[in-house]
Amino acid sequence: MKKNFEEQMEELEEIVKELEKGDLSLEESVTKFEEGIKISKECNKTLEEAEKKITILLNKDGQMEEEDFDAK
């Protein structure tokens, strides 16, 4: 099951905390860093899609209209 944005952000925060502690081995740190980068990219994609959906709202003749958005 895909995690939602908030769950991904919480997971990313936990990874940052683990890395900041400095208790991990180099290999564990690299693995956590790679995992964090992956989550960060997924969160960024989610934010970009949300931004595109918002900018699609157009003001036409004083009326707000929403157009279909294809995230692909």
PDB file of N, CA and C in Angstrom:
ATOM      1  N   MET A   1       0.849  -1.189   0.000  1.00  0.00           N
ATOM      2  CA  MET A   1       0.000   0.000   0.000  1.00  0.00           C
ATOM      3  C   MET A   1       0.890   1.246   0.000  1.00  0.00           C
ATOM      4  N   LYS A   2       0.588   2.168  -0.885  1.00  0.00           N
ATOM      5  CA  LYS A   2       1.357   3.400  -0.988  1.00  0.00           C
ATOM      6  C   LYS A   2       1.025   4.318   0.184  1.00  0.00           C
ATOM      7  N   LYS A   3       2.067   4.885   0.767  1.00  0.00           N
ATOM      8  CA  LYS A   3       1.877   5.792   1.891  1.00  0.00           C
ATOM      9  C   LYS A   3       1.455   7.162   1.381  1.00  0.00           C
ATOM     10  N   ASN A   4       0.656   7.849   2.210  1.00  0.00           N
ATOM     11  CA  ASN A   4       0.251   9.191   1.816  1.00  0.00           C
ATOM     12  C   ASN A   4       1.379  10.176   2.123  1.00  0.00           C
ATOM     13  N   PHE A   5       1.198  11.402   1.700  1.00  0.00           N
ATOM     14  CA  PHE A   5       2.231  12.424   1.825  1.00  0.00           C
ATOM     15  C   PHE A   5       2.676  12.618   3.279  1.00  0.00           C
ATOM     16  N   GLU A   6       1.713  12.693   4.178  1.00  0.00           N
ATOM     17  CA  GLU A   6       2.038  12.926   5.584  1.00  0.00           C
ATOM     18  C   GLU A   6       2.852  11.772   6.158  1.00  0.00           C
ATOM     19  N   GLU A   7       2.484  10.536   5.808  1.00  0.00           N
ATOM     20  CA  GLU A   7       3.231   9.374   6.284  1.00  0.00           C
ATOM     21  C   GLU A   7       4.657   9.370   5.726  1.00  0.00           C
ATOM     22  N   GLN A   8       4.801   9.760   4.469  1.00  0.00           N
ATOM     23  CA  GLN A   8       6.120   9.833   3.868  1.00  0.00           C
ATOM     24  C   GLN A   8       6.977  10.887   4.561  1.00  0.00           C
ATOM     25  N   MET A   9       6.386  12.028   4.889  1.00  0.00           N
ATOM     26  CA  MET A   9       7.130  13.094   5.577  1.00  0.00           C
ATOM     27  C   MET A   9       7.572  12.641   6.973  1.00  0.00           C
ATOM     28  N   GLU A  10       6.699  11.912   7.675  1.00  0.00           N
ATOM     29  CA  GLU A  10       7.064  11.396   8.995  1.00  0.00           C
ATOM     30  C   GLU A  10       8.228  10.416   8.882  1.00  0.00           C
ATOM     31  N   GLU A  11       8.170   9.545   7.875  1.00  0.00           N
ATOM     32  CA  GLU A  11       9.244   8.584   7.657  1.00  0.00           C
ATOM     33  C   GLU A  11      10.554   9.304   7.332  1.00  0.00           C
ATOM     34  N   LEU A  12      10.468  10.332   6.528  1.00  0.00           N
ATOM     35  CA  LEU A  12      11.651  11.118   6.175  1.00  0.00           C
ATOM     36  C   LEU A  12      12.242  11.799   7.420  1.00  0.00           C
ATOM     37  N   GLU A  13      11.386  12.321   8.286  1.00  0.00           N
ATOM     38  CA  GLU A  13      11.852  12.946   9.527  1.00  0.00           C
ATOM     39  C   GLU A  13      12.568  11.937  10.422  1.00  0.00           C
ATOM     40  N   GLU A  14      12.058  10.712  10.481  1.00  0.00           N
ATOM     41  CA  GLU A  14      12.695   9.670  11.285  1.00  0.00           C
ATOM     42  C   GLU A  14      14.082   9.320  10.731  1.00  0.00           C
ATOM     43  N   ILE A  15      14.175   9.257   9.414  1.00  0.00           N
ATOM     44  CA  ILE A  15      15.467   8.975   8.784  1.00  0.00           C
ATOM     45  C   ILE A  15      16.468  10.076   9.117  1.00  0.00           C
ATOM     46  N   VAL A  16      16.030  11.322   9.039  1.00  0.00           N
ATOM     47  CA  VAL A  16      16.910  12.453   9.352  1.00  0.00           C
ATOM     48  C   VAL A  16      17.387  12.359  10.802  1.00  0.00           C
ATOM     49  N   LYS A  17      16.475  12.042  11.725  1.00  0.00           N
ATOM     50  CA  LYS A  17      16.847  11.909  13.132  1.00  0.00           C
ATOM     51  C   LYS A  17      17.905  10.815  13.320  1.00  0.00           C
ATOM     52  N   GLU A  18      17.693   9.664  12.648  1.00  0.00           N
ATOM     53  CA  GLU A  18      18.647   8.561  12.764  1.00  0.00           C
ATOM     54  C   GLU A  18      20.020   8.967  12.233  1.00  0.00           C
ATOM     55  N   LEU A  19      20.024   9.661  11.109  1.00  0.00           N
ATOM     56  CA  LEU A  19      21.292  10.088  10.523  1.00  0.00           C
ATOM     57  C   LEU A  19      21.993  11.121  11.403  1.00  0.00           C
ATOM     58  N   GLU A  20      21.214  12.020  12.001  1.00  0.00           N
ATOM     59  CA  GLU A  20      21.793  13.065  12.847  1.00  0.00           C
ATOM     60  C   GLU A  20      22.399  12.503  14.127  1.00  0.00           C
ATOM     61  N   LYS A  21      21.849  11.400  14.633  1.00  0.00           N
ATOM     62  CA  LYS A  21      22.394  10.778  15.848  1.00  0.00           C
ATOM     63  C   LYS A  21      23.831  10.324  15.631  1.00  0.00           C
ATOM     64  N   GLY A  22      24.109   9.830  14.429  1.00  0.00           N
ATOM     65  CA  GLY A  22      25.461   9.375  14.128  1.00  0.00           C
ATOM     66  C   GLY A  22      25.784   8.000  14.675  1.00  0.00           C
ATOM     67  N   ASP A  23      24.766   7.246  15.085  1.00  0.00           N
ATOM     68  CA  ASP A  23      24.989   5.918  15.660  1.00  0.00           C
ATOM     69  C   ASP A  23      25.056   4.812  14.616  1.00  0.00           C
ATOM     70  N   LEU A  24      24.751   5.132  13.375  1.00  0.00           N
ATOM     71  CA  LEU A  24      24.706   4.123  12.318  1.00  0.00           C
ATOM     72  C   LEU A  24      26.093   3.902  11.723  1.00  0.00           C
ATOM     73  N   SER A  25      26.292   2.688  11.219  1.00  0.00           N
ATOM     74  CA  SER A  25      27.535   2.417  10.494  1.00  0.00           C
ATOM     75  C   SER A  25      27.482   3.167   9.167  1.00  0.00           C
ATOM     76  N   LEU A  26      28.606   3.226   8.497  1.00  0.00           N
ATOM     77  CA  LEU A  26      28.653   3.912   7.203  1.00  0.00           C
ATOM     78  C   LEU A  26      27.670   3.267   6.229  1.00  0.00           C
ATOM     79  N   GLU A  27      27.649   1.940   6.188  1.00  0.00           N
ATOM     80  CA  GLU A  27      26.750   1.234   5.273  1.00  0.00           C
ATOM     81  C   GLU A  27      25.279   1.532   5.606  1.00  0.00           C
ATOM     82  N   GLU A  28      24.953   1.513   6.900  1.00  0.00           N
ATOM     83  CA  GLU A  28      23.577   1.816   7.311  1.00  0.00           C
ATOM     84  C   GLU A  28      23.220   3.267   6.981  1.00  0.00           C
ATOM     85  N   SER A  29      24.164   4.165   7.183  1.00  0.00           N
ATOM     86  CA  SER A  29      23.931   5.577   6.881  1.00  0.00           C
ATOM     87  C   SER A  29      23.659   5.792   5.404  1.00  0.00           C
ATOM     88  N   VAL A  30      24.457   5.138   4.557  1.00  0.00           N
ATOM     89  CA  VAL A  30      24.266   5.271   3.105  1.00  0.00           C
ATOM     90  C   VAL A  30      22.902   4.718   2.709  1.00  0.00           C
ATOM     91  N   THR A  31      22.531   3.567   3.271  1.00  0.00           N
ATOM     92  CA  THR A  31      21.226   2.961   2.964  1.00  0.00           C
ATOM     93  C   THR A  31      20.093   3.894   3.390  1.00  0.00           C
ATOM     94  N   LYS A  32      20.191   4.456   4.596  1.00  0.00           N
ATOM     95  CA  LYS A  32      19.163   5.385   5.078  1.00  0.00           C
ATOM     96  C   LYS A  32      19.116   6.640   4.207  1.00  0.00           C
ATOM     97  N   PHE A  33      20.285   7.136   3.811  1.00  0.00           N
ATOM     98  CA  PHE A  33      20.349   8.317   2.967  1.00  0.00           C
ATOM     99  C   PHE A  33      19.662   8.055   1.628  1.00  0.00           C
ATOM    100  N   GLU A  34      19.955   6.900   1.023  1.00  0.00           N
ATOM    101  CA  GLU A  34      19.320   6.536  -0.251  1.00  0.00           C
ATOM    102  C   GLU A  34      17.806   6.431  -0.093  1.00  0.00           C
ATOM    103  N   GLU A  35      17.365   5.837   1.001  1.00  0.00           N
ATOM    104  CA  GLU A  35      15.933   5.711   1.276  1.00  0.00           C
ATOM    105  C   GLU A  35      15.304   7.100   1.431  1.00  0.00           C
ATOM    106  N   GLY A  36      16.000   7.986   2.134  1.00  0.00           N
ATOM    107  CA  GLY A  36      15.509   9.351   2.324  1.00  0.00           C
ATOM    108  C   GLY A  36      15.399  10.114   1.023  1.00  0.00           C
ATOM    109  N   ILE A  37      16.385   9.942   0.148  1.00  0.00           N
ATOM    110  CA  ILE A  37      16.351  10.612  -1.167  1.00  0.00           C
ATOM    111  C   ILE A  37      15.150  10.120  -1.970  1.00  0.00           C
ATOM    112  N   LYS A  38      14.903   8.809  -1.939  1.00  0.00           N
ATOM    113  CA  LYS A  38      13.761   8.233  -2.674  1.00  0.00           C
ATOM    114  C   LYS A  38      12.446   8.823  -2.159  1.00  0.00           C
ATOM    115  N   ILE A  39      12.287   8.857  -0.843  1.00  0.00           N
ATOM    116  CA  ILE A  39      11.063   9.408  -0.249  1.00  0.00           C
ATOM    117  C   ILE A  39      10.943  10.891  -0.587  1.00  0.00           C
ATOM    118  N   SER A  40      12.050  11.605  -0.509  1.00  0.00           N
ATOM    119  CA  SER A  40      12.051  13.031  -0.822  1.00  0.00           C
ATOM    120  C   SER A  40      11.575  13.286  -2.246  1.00  0.00           C
ATOM    121  N   LYS A  41      12.040  12.483  -3.183  1.00  0.00           N
ATOM    122  CA  LYS A  41      11.618  12.633  -4.585  1.00  0.00           C
ATOM    123  C   LYS A  41      10.129  12.358  -4.734  1.00  0.00           C
ATOM    124  N   GLU A  42       9.626  11.326  -4.023  1.00  0.00           N
ATOM    125  CA  GLU A  42       8.194  11.016  -4.086  1.00  0.00           C
ATOM    126  C   GLU A  42       7.366  12.165  -3.515  1.00  0.00           C
ATOM    127  N   CYS A  43       7.825  12.744  -2.403  1.00  0.00           N
ATOM    128  CA  CYS A  43       7.115  13.880  -1.798  1.00  0.00           C
ATOM    129  C   CYS A  43       7.132  15.085  -2.735  1.00  0.00           C
ATOM    130  N   ASN A  44       8.273  15.325  -3.354  1.00  0.00           N
ATOM    131  CA  ASN A  44       8.398  16.440  -4.285  1.00  0.00           C
ATOM    132  C   ASN A  44       7.439  16.263  -5.465  1.00  0.00           C
ATOM    133  N   LYS A  45       7.338  15.037  -5.963  1.00  0.00           N
ATOM    134  CA  LYS A  45       6.418  14.760  -7.074  1.00  0.00           C
ATOM    135  C   LYS A  45       4.974  15.037  -6.645  1.00  0.00           C
ATOM    136  N   THR A  46       4.623  14.614  -5.446  1.00  0.00           N
ATOM    137  CA  THR A  46       3.268  14.852  -4.925  1.00  0.00           C
ATOM    138  C   THR A  46       2.982  16.344  -4.834  1.00  0.00           C
ATOM    139  N   LEU A  47       3.962  17.110  -4.330  1.00  0.00           N
ATOM    140  CA  LEU A  47       3.785  18.558  -4.220  1.00  0.00           C
ATOM    141  C   LEU A  47       3.668  19.222  -5.590  1.00  0.00           C
ATOM    142  N   GLU A  48       4.482  18.766  -6.551  1.00  0.00           N
ATOM    143  CA  GLU A  48       4.411  19.332  -7.902  1.00  0.00           C
ATOM    144  C   GLU A  48       3.053  19.061  -8.533  1.00  0.00           C
ATOM    145  N   GLU A  49       2.522  17.847  -8.335  1.00  0.00           N
ATOM    146  CA  GLU A  49       1.205  17.519  -8.885  1.00  0.00           C
ATOM    147  C   GLU A  49       0.124  18.385  -8.244  1.00  0.00           C
ATOM    148  N   ALA A  50       0.224  18.596  -6.936  1.00  0.00           N
ATOM    149  CA  ALA A  50      -0.753  19.443  -6.245  1.00  0.00           C
ATOM    150  C   ALA A  50      -0.664  20.877  -6.760  1.00  0.00           C
ATOM    151  N   GLU A  51       0.556  21.364  -6.972  1.00  0.00           N
ATOM    152  CA  GLU A  51       0.743  22.723  -7.481  1.00  0.00           C
ATOM    153  C   GLU A  51       0.138  22.863  -8.876  1.00  0.00           C
ATOM    154  N   LYS A  52       0.337  21.855  -9.719  1.00  0.00           N
ATOM    155  CA  LYS A  52      -0.230  21.904 -11.070  1.00  0.00           C
ATOM    156  C   LYS A  52      -1.750  21.913 -11.023  1.00  0.00           C
ATOM    157  N   LYS A  53      -2.329  21.109 -10.125  1.00  0.00           N
ATOM    158  CA  LYS A  53      -3.786  21.085 -10.001  1.00  0.00           C
ATOM    159  C   LYS A  53      -4.312  22.451  -9.576  1.00  0.00           C
ATOM    160  N   ILE A  54      -3.590  23.096  -8.675  1.00  0.00           N
ATOM    161  CA  ILE A  54      -4.020  24.417  -8.196  1.00  0.00           C
ATOM    162  C   ILE A  54      -3.929  25.447  -9.313  1.00  0.00           C
ATOM    163  N   THR A  55      -2.829  25.408 -10.092  1.00  0.00           N
ATOM    164  CA  THR A  55      -2.664  26.415 -11.141  1.00  0.00           C
ATOM    165  C   THR A  55      -3.629  26.198 -12.303  1.00  0.00           C
ATOM    166  N   ILE A  56      -4.225  25.014 -12.392  1.00  0.00           N
ATOM    167  CA  ILE A  56      -5.201  24.766 -13.452  1.00  0.00           C
ATOM    168  C   ILE A  56      -6.519  25.495 -13.176  1.00  0.00           C
ATOM    169  N   LEU A  57      -6.726  25.859 -11.912  1.00  0.00           N
ATOM    170  CA  LEU A  57      -7.936  26.634 -11.600  1.00  0.00           C
ATOM    171  C   LEU A  57      -7.825  27.982 -12.306  1.00  0.00           C
ATOM    172  N   LEU A  58      -8.687  28.211 -13.236  1.00  0.00           N
ATOM    173  CA  LEU A  58      -8.634  29.437 -14.035  1.00  0.00           C
ATOM    174  C   LEU A  58      -9.814  30.339 -13.715  1.00  0.00           C
ATOM    175  N   ASN A  59      -9.555  31.616 -13.779  1.00  0.00           N
ATOM    176  CA  ASN A  59     -10.611  32.589 -13.561  1.00  0.00           C
ATOM    177  C   ASN A  59     -11.164  32.989 -14.923  1.00  0.00           C
ATOM    178  N   LYS A  60     -12.338  32.458 -15.268  1.00  0.00           N
ATOM    179  CA  LYS A  60     -12.981  32.761 -16.550  1.00  0.00           C
ATOM    180  C   LYS A  60     -14.282  33.507 -16.292  1.00  0.00           C
ATOM    181  N   ASP A  61     -14.348  34.688 -16.823  1.00  0.00           N
ATOM    182  CA  ASP A  61     -15.549  35.518 -16.674  1.00  0.00           C
ATOM    183  C   ASP A  61     -15.962  35.661 -15.212  1.00  0.00           C
ATOM    184  N   GLY A  62     -14.985  35.808 -14.351  1.00  0.00           N
ATOM    185  CA  GLY A  62     -15.281  35.987 -12.932  1.00  0.00           C
ATOM    186  C   GLY A  62     -15.650  34.705 -12.211  1.00  0.00           C
ATOM    187  N   GLN A  63     -15.685  33.596 -12.922  1.00  0.00           N
ATOM    188  CA  GLN A  63     -16.037  32.315 -12.324  1.00  0.00           C
ATOM    189  C   GLN A  63     -14.797  31.429 -12.249  1.00  0.00           C
ATOM    190  N   MET A  64     -14.621  30.744 -11.142  1.00  0.00           N
ATOM    191  CA  MET A  64     -13.517  29.801 -11.012  1.00  0.00           C
ATOM    192  C   MET A  64     -13.954  28.484 -11.648  1.00  0.00           C
ATOM    193  N   GLU A  65     -13.140  28.028 -12.595  1.00  0.00           N
ATOM    194  CA  GLU A  65     -13.434  26.766 -13.255  1.00  0.00           C
ATOM    195  C   GLU A  65     -12.220  25.864 -13.136  1.00  0.00           C
ATOM    196  N   GLU A  66     -12.469  24.591 -12.900  1.00  0.00           N
ATOM    197  CA  GLU A  66     -11.377  23.639 -12.807  1.00  0.00           C
ATOM    198  C   GLU A  66     -11.314  22.818 -14.089  1.00  0.00           C
ATOM    199  N   GLU A  67     -10.109  22.716 -14.645  1.00  0.00           N
ATOM    200  CA  GLU A  67      -9.926  21.913 -15.833  1.00  0.00           C
ATOM    201  C   GLU A  67      -9.302  20.592 -15.427  1.00  0.00           C
ATOM    202  N   ASP A  68      -9.508  19.572 -16.263  1.00  0.00           N
ATOM    203  CA  ASP A  68      -8.912  18.274 -15.993  1.00  0.00           C
ATOM    204  C   ASP A  68      -7.391  18.367 -16.063  1.00  0.00           C
ATOM    205  N   PHE A  69      -6.737  17.606 -15.221  1.00  0.00           N
ATOM    206  CA  PHE A  69      -5.281  17.594 -15.163  1.00  0.00           C
ATOM    207  C   PHE A  69      -4.792  16.171 -15.310  1.00  0.00           C
ATOM    208  N   ASP A  70      -3.833  15.994 -16.200  1.00  0.00           N
ATOM    209  CA  ASP A  70      -3.220  14.684 -16.396  1.00  0.00           C
ATOM    210  C   ASP A  70      -1.813  14.755 -15.826  1.00  0.00           C
ATOM    211  N   ALA A  71      -1.556  13.999 -14.749  1.00  0.00           N
ATOM    212  CA  ALA A  71      -0.273  14.070 -14.045  1.00  0.00           C
ATOM    213  C   ALA A  71       0.848  13.354 -14.768  1.00  0.00           C
ATOM    214  N   LYS A  72       0.574  12.750 -15.896  1.00  0.00           N
ATOM    215  CA  LYS A  72       1.610  11.999 -16.606  1.00  0.00           C
ATOM    216  C   LYS A  72       2.485  12.876 -17.430  1.00  0.00           C
TER     217      LYS A  72
END
